[in-house]
Amino acid sequence: MFARVTTTEFSPYRIDEAIHIVRERVLPAVQQETGFKGYLMLVDRSSGKGITITLWEEEADREVTGPTSSYYREAIGHVVPLLEAAPLVEDLEIVIQV
């Protein structure tokens, strides 16, 4: 299995707005993507830091939803107005899962 980890920096005052947008707009879209296996969103409400982890069955599934894809640009576009810095995106392989 494979993962994409996206680290974001929101205004701490807009965390709830970001969570709402992800629930209403981003999750329905990502759940339709081939090979999608899971989604985690972690936040530090005091600092505004967010970490999103998407899980993918195959590396190819993750790759076609990468930062240059229309899916990713649309998904990140929903939260861009809430970001204080550019997101950091890392693609990783899951080697242990319990």
Protein backbone atom coordinates (compact mmCIF):
# COMPACT_ATOMS: atom_id res chain seq x y z
CA MET A 1 0.00 0.00 0.00
CA PHE A 2 1.10 3.59 -0.60
CA ALA A 3 0.51 6.95 1.05
CA ARG A 4 0.60 10.63 0.22
CA VAL A 5 1.36 12.91 3.17
CA THR A 6 0.45 16.57 2.72
CA THR A 7 1.52 19.03 5.41
CA THR A 8 -0.37 22.32 5.50
CA GLU A 9 -0.34 25.49 7.54
CA PHE A 10 -3.75 27.04 8.18
CA SER A 11 -4.67 30.08 10.19
CA PRO A 12 -5.57 28.59 13.61
CA TYR A 13 -8.81 30.58 13.42
CA ARG A 14 -9.83 28.81 10.19
CA ILE A 15 -9.22 25.16 11.15
CA ASP A 16 -12.93 24.40 11.56
CA GLU A 17 -13.63 25.94 8.16
CA ALA A 18 -10.91 23.78 6.60
CA ILE A 19 -12.31 20.63 8.24
CA HIS A 20 -15.78 21.45 6.92
CA ILE A 21 -14.50 21.98 3.37
CA VAL A 22 -12.59 18.69 3.46
CA ARG A 23 -15.65 16.78 4.71
CA GLU A 24 -18.03 18.34 2.20
CA ARG A 25 -15.90 18.69 -0.93
CA VAL A 26 -12.60 16.86 -0.79
CA LEU A 27 -13.67 13.53 0.75
CA PRO A 28 -16.50 12.82 -1.70
CA ALA A 29 -14.09 13.40 -4.60
CA VAL A 30 -11.20 11.31 -3.23
CA GLN A 31 -13.50 8.41 -2.37
CA GLN A 32 -14.32 8.08 -6.08
CA GLU A 33 -10.68 7.69 -7.12
CA THR A 34 -9.42 4.25 -8.19
CA GLY A 35 -7.38 2.49 -5.51
CA PHE A 36 -8.41 4.85 -2.69
CA LYS A 37 -8.10 3.08 0.68
CA GLY A 38 -8.32 5.75 3.38
CA TYR A 39 -8.02 9.35 4.48
CA LEU A 40 -6.68 10.84 7.71
CA MET A 41 -6.65 14.53 8.60
CA LEU A 42 -4.70 15.56 11.69
CA VAL A 43 -4.60 19.13 13.00
CA ASP A 44 -2.94 21.13 15.74
CA ARG A 45 -5.59 23.72 16.53
CA SER A 46 -3.15 25.98 18.39
CA SER A 47 -0.63 26.31 15.54
CA GLY A 48 -2.83 25.68 12.50
CA LYS A 49 -0.62 22.81 11.29
CA GLY A 50 -2.44 20.11 9.36
CA ILE A 51 -1.31 16.73 8.11
CA THR A 52 -3.39 14.81 5.62
CA ILE A 53 -2.60 11.21 4.79
CA THR A 54 -4.28 9.49 1.87
CA LEU A 55 -3.89 5.74 1.44
CA TRP A 56 -3.73 4.02 -1.95
CA GLU A 57 -3.80 0.36 -2.98
CA GLU A 58 -1.15 0.68 -5.69
CA GLU A 59 1.62 3.15 -6.39
CA ALA A 60 0.05 3.85 -9.79
CA ASP A 61 -3.25 4.81 -8.09
CA ARG A 62 -1.43 7.33 -5.94
CA GLU A 63 0.57 8.67 -8.87
CA VAL A 64 -2.47 9.47 -11.05
CA THR A 65 -3.88 11.58 -8.20
CA GLY A 66 -0.62 13.48 -7.63
CA PRO A 67 -0.04 17.24 -7.43
CA THR A 68 -0.12 17.64 -11.22
CA SER A 69 -3.48 15.85 -11.61
CA SER A 70 -6.77 17.65 -12.07
CA TYR A 71 -8.14 15.77 -9.01
CA TYR A 72 -5.38 17.10 -6.72
CA ARG A 73 -5.50 20.65 -8.09
CA GLU A 74 -9.26 20.76 -7.53
CA ALA A 75 -9.03 19.23 -4.05
CA ILE A 76 -6.25 21.54 -2.85
CA GLY A 77 -7.98 24.46 -4.56
CA HIS A 78 -10.83 24.20 -2.08
CA VAL A 79 -8.51 24.89 0.85
CA VAL A 80 -5.91 27.19 -0.74
CA PRO A 81 -7.70 30.36 0.48
CA LEU A 82 -7.24 29.08 4.05
CA LEU A 83 -3.51 28.27 3.74
CA GLU A 84 -0.75 30.50 5.08
CA ALA A 85 2.02 28.69 3.15
CA ALA A 86 2.39 26.30 0.24
CA PRO A 87 1.64 22.68 1.16
CA LEU A 88 4.46 20.14 1.42
CA VAL A 89 3.64 16.89 -0.41
CA GLU A 90 5.48 13.60 0.14
CA ASP A 91 4.76 10.23 -1.46
CA LEU A 92 5.69 7.23 0.67
CA GLU A 93 5.35 3.46 0.69
CA ILE A 94 3.62 1.81 3.63
CA VAL A 95 5.86 -1.02 4.82
CA ILE A 96 4.14 -1.86 8.12
CA GLN A 97 0.45 -1.52 8.88
CA VAL A 98 -1.23 -2.86 12.02
